[in-house]
Amino acid sequence: MIVARGRRRLGLLAALVGLTVAVAACGSSAMAPSSSTPTVLGSAEGTVSVLAWPGHVEDGSNNRSVNWVQPFSQQTGCQVEFTSFGTSDEAVAKMWSGQFDVVSASGDASLRLIAAGDVAPINTALLSNYPNIYPYLREKSWNSAGGKVYGVPSGWGANLLMYRTDLVKPAPTSWSAVFDDADRYPGKVTAYDSPIYLADAALYLMKHRPELRITNPYALDEQQFQAVVDLLKIQRASIGFYWNDIVHEVLAFSAGWSVIGTTWQVGANLARDGGAQVETVTPVEGSTGWADSWMVSSRAKHLSCAYQWINYALSPTVNAQITEYVGEAPANSKACAHSKDRNHCAVYHSADAAYASKIWYWATPMADCLDGRTDVKCVDYAGWTKAWLEIKG
């Protein structure tokens, strides 16, 4: 069974436009102060409250053969209280409550959590499995700040271009198929339903309109941002629907309602397993993607259990179980040996550093430009959210 992220519609989006303004106010390179990093852990507190994507915390209630929570509780004495979320915006909103000890955050949420002071730096020396994390995922811009580690990578994946091989010819090699050439497939183009999708258009323009001088698809000044918005408004005329539930996207491709658009590897696998004539490609421009990280709340009431959960979830066996179940590449370099499907890591490019280097992992757009520019202000996530609502109409 595959459990994918994003099973809820973005019903919170409009409300979050206002809420993200508060985060954007502190969303600069000078991150908000956070609690000190522990040097030693005390006794297990008996409970840990985990906020995560669906499928990351399984106790057998969804599938009796999928249960890594019970062994954890037996080993540590920490009982797991689990709450799921469907979008990164929802995760950020729920973390503001301060009721969770641990969160699994993608890059489009992690910097917001750091900026708001909702998560604390992590002492990786307290995590015995941290040294086995692939180097190309450690201490990156989406999970670290100010020289401190805030997020420990757990899994990752790329946003791919999927197309119906019987209906889209010749086979596409560029994102131009869903941007400048989208009108070839009126009403049959699909795209991911999130403000972070603007980065896909920015990546395309970075390669095809050099005069805009975009060097980072998550760092856009007003002129660059307007060019991205204009491109997506043109694309909108060819969009059949935007998706944030991978199952709905798979059904659309299987039925022929969609013939080309963004997907995840798990979506392509499901579509092919269902008999759909689809293929995927990483276009010549590269792609955006995500890297999930475990983060500790700055208000964690159960700090010892929080660290024990993260270390357990990063162990080779459990990291393999989680990432195979949800459909992404594991972060632990020793996890692949424990995958049930021996082809899983090859399909998801788990150990392929060259492949991973082509991905622009989701990062939260900030007013202080992530590309290092200081002579301009960039459009922050609140601006991206507002524009996304306007683009969709």
Protein backbone atom coordinates (compact mmCIF):
# COMPACT_ATOMS: atom_id res chain seq x y z
CA MET A 1 0.00 0.00 0.00
CA ILE A 2 1.21 3.50 -0.84
CA VAL A 3 0.11 6.46 1.25
CA ALA A 4 0.88 9.77 -0.42
CA ARG A 5 0.96 13.26 0.97
CA GLY A 6 -1.61 15.92 0.13
CA ARG A 7 -4.92 14.12 0.56
CA ARG A 8 -6.78 17.27 1.60
CA ARG A 9 -7.90 20.17 -0.54
CA LEU A 10 -6.25 23.48 0.28
CA GLY A 11 -9.27 24.73 2.16
CA LEU A 12 -7.03 26.54 4.63
CA LEU A 13 -5.31 28.54 1.90
CA ALA A 14 -7.37 31.70 2.03
CA ALA A 15 -7.20 31.91 5.80
CA LEU A 16 -3.48 31.29 5.73
CA VAL A 17 -2.87 34.32 3.50
CA GLY A 18 -3.36 36.48 6.56
CA LEU A 19 -1.66 34.11 8.95
CA THR A 20 1.51 33.80 6.87
CA VAL A 21 1.98 37.56 7.02
CA ALA A 22 2.82 37.19 10.69
CA VAL A 23 5.45 34.59 9.89
CA ALA A 24 6.78 36.63 6.97
CA ALA A 25 7.43 39.50 9.34
CA CYS A 26 10.12 37.42 11.01
CA GLY A 27 10.90 35.49 7.83
CA SER A 28 14.33 36.89 7.15
CA SER A 29 17.82 35.49 7.27
CA ALA A 30 17.93 36.67 10.89
CA MET A 31 15.83 33.84 12.24
CA ALA A 32 13.81 34.11 15.43
CA PRO A 33 15.59 33.00 18.62
CA SER A 34 14.93 29.44 19.73
CA SER A 35 15.43 27.28 22.77
CA SER A 36 18.88 25.95 23.57
CA THR A 37 20.05 22.62 22.19
CA PRO A 38 20.20 19.78 24.74
CA THR A 39 23.56 18.17 25.44
CA VAL A 40 22.13 15.17 27.24
CA LEU A 41 18.71 13.53 27.35
CA GLY A 42 16.83 12.67 30.49
CA SER A 43 14.54 9.76 31.18
CA ALA A 44 11.75 8.97 28.75
CA GLU A 45 8.66 10.98 29.60
CA GLY A 46 6.27 8.20 28.54
CA THR A 47 4.61 10.07 25.64
CA VAL A 48 5.54 11.81 22.40
CA SER A 49 3.17 13.87 20.26
CA VAL A 50 4.00 13.60 16.55
CA LEU A 51 2.62 15.72 13.70
CA ALA A 52 3.39 14.21 10.30
CA TRP A 53 2.34 13.49 6.75
CA PRO A 54 -0.05 10.52 6.39
CA GLY A 55 1.81 7.23 6.35
CA HIS A 56 4.80 8.38 8.36
CA VAL A 57 3.47 7.10 11.71
CA GLU A 58 1.72 3.75 11.33
CA ASP A 59 0.47 1.66 14.25
CA GLY A 60 -1.33 -1.12 12.39
CA SER A 61 -4.76 0.49 12.54
CA ASN A 62 -4.73 1.24 8.78
CA ASN A 63 -2.97 -1.98 7.80
CA ARG A 64 -2.19 -4.69 10.32
CA SER A 65 1.03 -5.56 8.51
CA VAL A 66 2.30 -1.97 8.70
CA ASN A 67 3.24 -1.10 12.26
CA TRP A 68 6.44 0.55 13.43
CA VAL A 69 4.85 2.49 16.31
CA GLN A 70 4.25 -0.47 18.60
CA PRO A 71 7.90 -1.68 18.48
CA PHE A 72 9.04 1.86 19.27
CA SER A 73 6.80 2.08 22.32
CA GLN A 74 7.95 -1.32 23.52
CA GLN A 75 11.62 -0.37 23.14
CA THR A 76 11.44 3.10 24.70
CA GLY A 77 8.34 3.28 26.89
CA CYS A 78 7.19 6.31 24.85
CA GLN A 79 3.57 6.09 23.73
CA VAL A 80 2.96 7.85 20.39
CA GLU A 81 0.14 10.35 19.94
CA PHE A 82 -0.16 10.95 16.20
CA THR A 83 -1.86 13.74 14.24
CA SER A 84 -1.67 13.91 10.45
CA PHE A 85 -1.84 16.87 8.08
CA GLY A 86 -2.55 17.12 4.35
CA THR A 87 -0.55 20.19 3.31
CA SER A 88 2.51 22.09 4.49
CA ASP A 89 0.31 25.12 5.22
CA GLU A 90 -1.79 22.98 7.54
CA ALA A 91 1.34 21.68 9.29
CA VAL A 92 2.59 25.21 9.96
CA ALA A 93 -0.80 26.28 11.31
CA LYS A 94 -0.99 23.29 13.65
CA MET A 95 2.55 23.79 14.94
CA TRP A 96 1.62 27.28 16.11
CA SER A 97 -0.51 25.62 18.79
CA GLY A 98 2.60 24.35 20.59
CA GLN A 99 0.95 21.01 21.37
CA PHE A 100 3.31 18.79 19.36
CA ASP A 101 6.81 17.53 20.20
CA VAL A 102 7.89 16.47 16.71
CA VAL A 103 6.89 17.41 13.17
CA SER A 104 7.74 15.99 9.76
CA ALA A 105 8.17 19.08 7.59
CA SER A 106 8.91 19.61 3.93
CA GLY A 107 11.08 22.51 2.82
CA ASP A 108 8.13 24.77 2.08
CA ALA A 109 7.25 24.59 5.79
CA SER A 110 10.57 24.19 7.59
CA LEU A 111 11.91 27.71 7.16
CA ARG A 112 8.58 29.15 8.28
CA LEU A 113 8.77 27.04 11.42
CA ILE A 114 12.35 28.15 12.08
CA ALA A 115 11.53 31.81 11.45
CA ALA A 116 8.56 31.70 13.81
CA GLY A 117 10.62 30.06 16.56
CA ASP A 118 8.34 27.03 16.55
CA VAL A 119 11.19 24.52 16.23
CA ALA A 120 14.51 24.23 18.06
CA PRO A 121 18.04 23.39 16.89
CA ILE A 122 18.81 19.67 17.06
CA ASN A 123 21.90 18.19 18.65
CA THR A 124 22.70 15.56 16.03
CA ALA A 125 25.29 14.01 18.36
CA LEU A 126 22.33 12.60 20.29
CA LEU A 127 21.12 10.75 17.18
CA SER A 128 23.16 7.64 16.49
CA ASN A 129 21.65 7.25 13.01
CA TYR A 130 22.47 10.76 11.83
CA PRO A 131 25.95 9.92 10.43
CA ASN A 132 24.30 7.48 8.00
CA ILE A 133 22.17 10.19 6.37
CA TYR A 134 23.28 10.88 2.80
CA PRO A 135 25.64 13.92 2.85
CA TYR A 136 23.72 15.63 0.04
CA LEU A 137 20.69 15.94 2.35
CA ARG A 138 22.41 17.13 5.54
CA GLU A 139 22.72 20.74 6.70
CA LYS A 140 21.02 22.29 3.70
CA SER A 141 19.22 25.60 3.31
CA TRP A 142 15.78 24.04 3.88
CA ASN A 143 16.64 22.30 7.17
CA SER A 144 19.36 24.47 8.73
CA ALA A 145 19.88 28.12 9.61
CA GLY A 146 22.55 30.20 11.30
CA GLY A 147 24.97 27.28 11.27
CA LYS A 148 22.55 25.13 13.28
CA VAL A 149 20.69 21.97 12.27
CA TYR A 150 16.93 22.28 12.73
CA GLY A 151 15.77 19.37 10.59
CA VAL A 152 17.00 15.81 10.17
CA PRO A 153 16.27 14.43 6.67
CA SER A 154 13.97 11.44 6.42
CA GLY A 155 12.99 11.10 2.75
CA TRP A 156 12.91 12.98 -0.54
CA GLY A 157 11.63 12.99 -4.09
CA ALA A 158 11.44 14.96 -7.32
CA ASN A 159 8.52 16.62 -9.07
CA LEU A 160 8.46 14.89 -12.45
CA LEU A 161 6.74 15.50 -15.77
CA MET A 162 4.25 12.71 -16.52
CA TYR A 163 2.51 12.23 -19.86
CA ARG A 164 0.25 9.79 -21.67
CA THR A 165 2.44 8.06 -24.22
CA ASP A 166 -0.53 7.33 -26.50
CA LEU A 167 -1.79 10.92 -26.52
CA VAL A 168 1.33 13.10 -26.19
CA LYS A 169 3.75 12.85 -29.11
CA PRO A 170 6.62 13.36 -29.49
CA ALA A 171 7.73 12.54 -25.97
CA PRO A 172 8.40 15.77 -24.07
CA THR A 173 11.87 16.61 -22.81
CA SER A 174 11.25 20.12 -21.44
CA TRP A 175 8.85 21.84 -19.07
CA SER A 176 7.84 23.90 -22.12
CA ALA A 177 5.24 21.17 -22.68
CA VAL A 178 3.20 22.53 -19.75
CA PHE A 179 4.15 26.19 -20.07
CA ASP A 180 4.80 27.77 -23.48
CA ASP A 181 3.27 24.79 -25.31
CA ALA A 182 0.45 24.06 -22.86
CA ASP A 183 -2.19 25.19 -25.35
CA ARG A 184 -1.51 22.02 -27.35
CA TYR A 185 -3.44 20.18 -24.65
CA PRO A 186 -6.38 22.46 -23.76
CA GLY A 187 -8.05 21.35 -20.55
CA LYS A 188 -5.75 18.35 -20.26
CA VAL A 189 -2.81 19.88 -18.37
CA THR A 190 -2.51 19.38 -14.62
CA ALA A 191 -0.27 20.90 -11.94
CA TYR A 192 0.33 20.64 -8.22
CA ASP A 193 -2.12 22.69 -6.16
CA SER A 194 0.11 24.77 -3.90
CA PRO A 195 1.73 28.20 -3.86
CA ILE A 196 5.08 26.41 -4.00
CA TYR A 197 4.23 25.44 -7.61
CA LEU A 198 5.30 28.94 -8.59
CA ALA A 199 8.86 27.65 -8.21
CA ASP A 200 8.27 25.24 -11.11
CA ALA A 201 7.48 28.16 -13.38
CA ALA A 202 10.43 30.10 -11.96
CA LEU A 203 12.77 27.19 -12.72
CA TYR A 204 11.51 27.14 -16.30
CA LEU A 205 12.03 30.89 -16.73
CA MET A 206 15.46 30.64 -15.10
CA LYS A 207 16.55 28.54 -18.08
CA HIS A 208 14.53 30.18 -20.86
CA ARG A 209 14.53 33.88 -19.97
CA PRO A 210 18.08 34.62 -18.80
CA GLU A 211 17.42 38.35 -18.89
CA LEU A 212 15.33 37.90 -15.73
CA ARG A 213 18.49 36.78 -13.90
CA ILE A 214 16.72 34.20 -11.74
CA THR A 215 19.35 32.11 -9.95
CA ASN A 216 17.10 30.45 -7.35
CA PRO A 217 13.44 29.60 -8.08
CA TYR A 218 12.52 30.38 -4.45
CA ALA A 219 14.15 33.84 -4.49
CA LEU A 220 12.15 36.17 -6.74
CA ASP A 221 12.16 39.95 -6.67
CA GLU A 222 9.06 41.81 -7.83
CA GLN A 223 9.99 41.84 -11.52
CA GLN A 224 10.93 38.15 -11.55
CA PHE A 225 7.86 37.25 -9.55
CA GLN A 226 5.54 39.08 -11.96
CA ALA A 227 7.02 37.19 -14.90
CA VAL A 228 6.29 33.91 -13.09
CA VAL A 229 2.72 34.95 -12.29
CA ASP A 230 2.13 36.05 -15.89
CA LEU A 231 3.34 32.67 -17.19
CA LEU A 232 1.07 30.76 -14.82
CA LYS A 233 -1.95 32.89 -15.71
CA ILE A 234 -1.41 31.97 -19.36
CA GLN A 235 -1.02 28.32 -18.41
CA ARG A 236 -4.28 28.47 -16.43
CA ALA A 237 -6.30 28.45 -19.66
CA SER A 238 -5.03 24.94 -20.42
CA ILE A 239 -5.32 23.49 -16.90
CA GLY A 240 -8.05 20.89 -16.44
CA PHE A 241 -7.60 20.75 -12.69
CA TYR A 242 -4.97 21.29 -10.01
CA TRP A 243 -4.21 18.33 -7.78
CA ASN A 244 -2.95 17.80 -4.26
CA ASP A 245 -4.22 14.24 -3.90
CA ILE A 246 -2.01 11.89 -5.91
CA VAL A 247 -4.81 9.33 -6.17
CA HIS A 248 -7.06 11.86 -7.94
CA GLU A 249 -4.25 12.69 -10.33
CA VAL A 250 -3.70 9.02 -11.14
CA LEU A 251 -7.42 8.58 -11.86
CA ALA A 252 -7.36 11.63 -14.14
CA PHE A 253 -4.46 10.23 -16.18
CA SER A 254 -6.06 6.79 -16.31
CA ALA A 255 -9.33 8.27 -17.62
CA GLY A 256 -7.63 10.64 -20.04
CA TRP A 257 -8.92 13.77 -18.32
CA SER A 258 -5.28 14.74 -17.90
CA VAL A 259 -2.59 13.86 -20.42
CA ILE A 260 0.41 15.82 -19.16
CA GLY A 261 1.56 17.55 -15.98
CA THR A 262 3.57 17.34 -12.79
CA THR A 263 3.60 14.18 -10.69
CA TRP A 264 5.61 12.25 -8.12
CA GLN A 265 7.27 8.91 -8.76
CA VAL A 266 4.66 7.19 -6.62
CA GLY A 267 1.93 8.60 -8.88
CA ALA A 268 3.60 7.24 -11.98
CA ASN A 269 3.98 3.84 -10.31
CA LEU A 270 0.31 3.73 -9.35
CA ALA A 271 -0.82 4.85 -12.81
CA ARG A 272 1.26 2.19 -14.56
CA ASP A 273 0.14 -0.48 -12.09
CA GLY A 274 -3.42 0.45 -13.02
CA GLY A 275 -2.76 0.03 -16.72
CA ALA A 276 -2.38 3.67 -17.75
CA GLN A 277 0.02 4.32 -20.62
CA VAL A 278 2.22 6.86 -18.90
CA GLU A 279 5.89 7.70 -18.67
CA THR A 280 7.82 10.26 -16.68
CA VAL A 281 10.81 12.41 -17.45
CA THR A 282 13.07 14.74 -15.54
CA PRO A 283 13.09 17.64 -18.02
CA VAL A 284 16.26 19.24 -19.31
CA GLU A 285 15.74 22.20 -16.99
CA GLY A 286 15.87 19.97 -13.92
CA SER A 287 13.03 19.88 -11.42
CA THR A 288 11.77 21.02 -8.07
CA GLY A 289 11.23 18.48 -5.33
CA TRP A 290 10.89 17.95 -1.62
CA ALA A 291 13.02 16.71 1.25
CA ASP A 292 11.13 15.88 4.43
CA SER A 293 12.84 16.50 7.76
CA TRP A 294 12.02 15.55 11.34
CA MET A 295 12.03 18.66 13.53
CA VAL A 296 11.68 19.17 17.29
CA SER A 297 9.26 21.73 18.70
CA SER A 298 10.83 24.58 20.66
CA ARG A 299 8.06 23.94 23.22
CA ALA A 300 8.43 20.15 23.33
CA LYS A 301 7.09 18.76 26.60
CA HIS A 302 8.59 15.32 25.94
CA LEU A 303 12.07 16.09 24.64
CA SER A 304 13.70 12.75 25.40
CA CYS A 305 10.92 10.79 23.70
CA ALA A 306 11.06 13.26 20.78
CA TYR A 307 14.74 12.54 20.17
CA GLN A 308 14.18 8.82 20.62
CA TRP A 309 11.37 8.89 18.04
CA ILE A 310 13.50 10.73 15.47
CA ASN A 311 16.45 8.40 15.94
CA TYR A 312 14.17 5.36 15.70
CA ALA A 313 12.44 6.67 12.56
CA LEU A 314 15.86 7.24 10.98
CA SER A 315 17.12 3.72 11.71
CA PRO A 316 17.78 1.71 8.52
CA THR A 317 14.87 -0.67 8.99
CA VAL A 318 12.23 1.91 9.93
CA ASN A 319 13.42 4.54 7.43
CA ALA A 320 13.05 1.84 4.75
CA GLN A 321 9.56 0.95 5.98
CA ILE A 322 8.32 4.55 6.09
CA THR A 323 9.70 5.69 2.75
CA GLU A 324 8.62 2.56 0.91
CA TYR A 325 5.12 2.88 2.37
CA VAL A 326 4.67 6.57 1.47
CA GLY A 327 6.60 6.45 -1.81
CA GLU A 328 9.85 8.40 -1.57
CA ALA A 329 13.60 7.85 -1.38
CA PRO A 330 15.04 7.04 2.05
CA ALA A 331 17.55 9.40 3.65
CA ASN A 332 19.52 6.74 5.52
CA SER A 333 22.24 5.28 3.29
CA LYS A 334 21.77 1.88 4.93
CA ALA A 335 17.98 1.75 4.47
CA CYS A 336 17.95 0.33 0.94
CA ALA A 337 19.19 -3.04 2.17
CA HIS A 338 15.98 -3.32 4.21
CA SER A 339 13.41 -2.42 1.51
CA LYS A 340 10.91 -5.17 0.75
CA ASP A 341 10.91 -4.16 -2.91
CA ARG A 342 14.53 -4.59 -3.98
CA ASN A 343 13.93 -2.16 -6.86
CA HIS A 344 12.57 0.60 -4.66
CA CYS A 345 15.80 2.52 -4.18
CA ALA A 346 16.77 2.23 -7.84
CA VAL A 347 13.38 3.56 -8.97
CA TYR A 348 13.56 6.46 -6.49
CA HIS A 349 17.26 7.22 -7.16
CA SER A 350 18.02 6.92 -3.46
CA ALA A 351 21.81 6.78 -3.65
CA ASP A 352 22.16 8.85 -6.82
CA ALA A 353 23.85 12.09 -5.72
CA ALA A 354 24.07 13.31 -9.33
CA TYR A 355 20.30 12.89 -9.76
CA ALA A 356 19.64 14.61 -6.44
CA SER A 357 21.83 17.56 -7.48
CA LYS A 358 19.39 18.40 -10.29
CA ILE A 359 16.56 18.98 -7.83
CA TRP A 360 15.68 22.37 -6.37
CA TYR A 361 14.19 21.19 -3.08
CA TRP A 362 11.24 23.13 -1.73
CA ALA A 363 12.27 26.09 0.41
CA THR A 364 10.09 28.78 1.95
CA PRO A 365 10.35 32.06 0.00
CA MET A 366 11.50 34.83 2.32
CA ALA A 367 11.67 38.64 2.06
CA ASP A 368 15.43 38.39 2.58
CA CYS A 369 16.31 36.71 -0.71
CA LEU A 370 17.47 33.12 -0.40
CA ASP A 371 19.94 33.68 -3.25
CA GLY A 372 21.95 36.09 -1.09
CA ARG A 373 20.95 39.35 -2.76
CA THR A 374 20.79 42.30 -0.39
CA ASP A 375 20.02 45.13 -2.82
CA VAL A 376 16.38 44.02 -3.30
CA LYS A 377 13.59 42.41 -1.33
CA CYS A 378 12.11 39.16 -2.54
CA VAL A 379 8.44 38.22 -2.49
CA ASP A 380 7.76 36.19 0.65
CA TYR A 381 5.48 33.20 1.08
CA ALA A 382 2.48 35.38 1.92
CA GLY A 383 2.91 37.03 -1.49
CA TRP A 384 3.18 33.64 -3.17
CA THR A 385 -0.01 32.48 -1.46
CA LYS A 386 -1.93 35.58 -2.49
CA ALA A 387 -0.76 35.26 -6.10
CA TRP A 388 -1.65 31.56 -6.21
CA LEU A 389 -5.24 32.30 -5.27
CA GLU A 390 -5.40 34.93 -8.02
CA ILE A 391 -3.87 32.58 -10.61
CA LYS A 392 -6.40 29.86 -9.84
CA GLY A 393 -9.26 32.35 -9.89
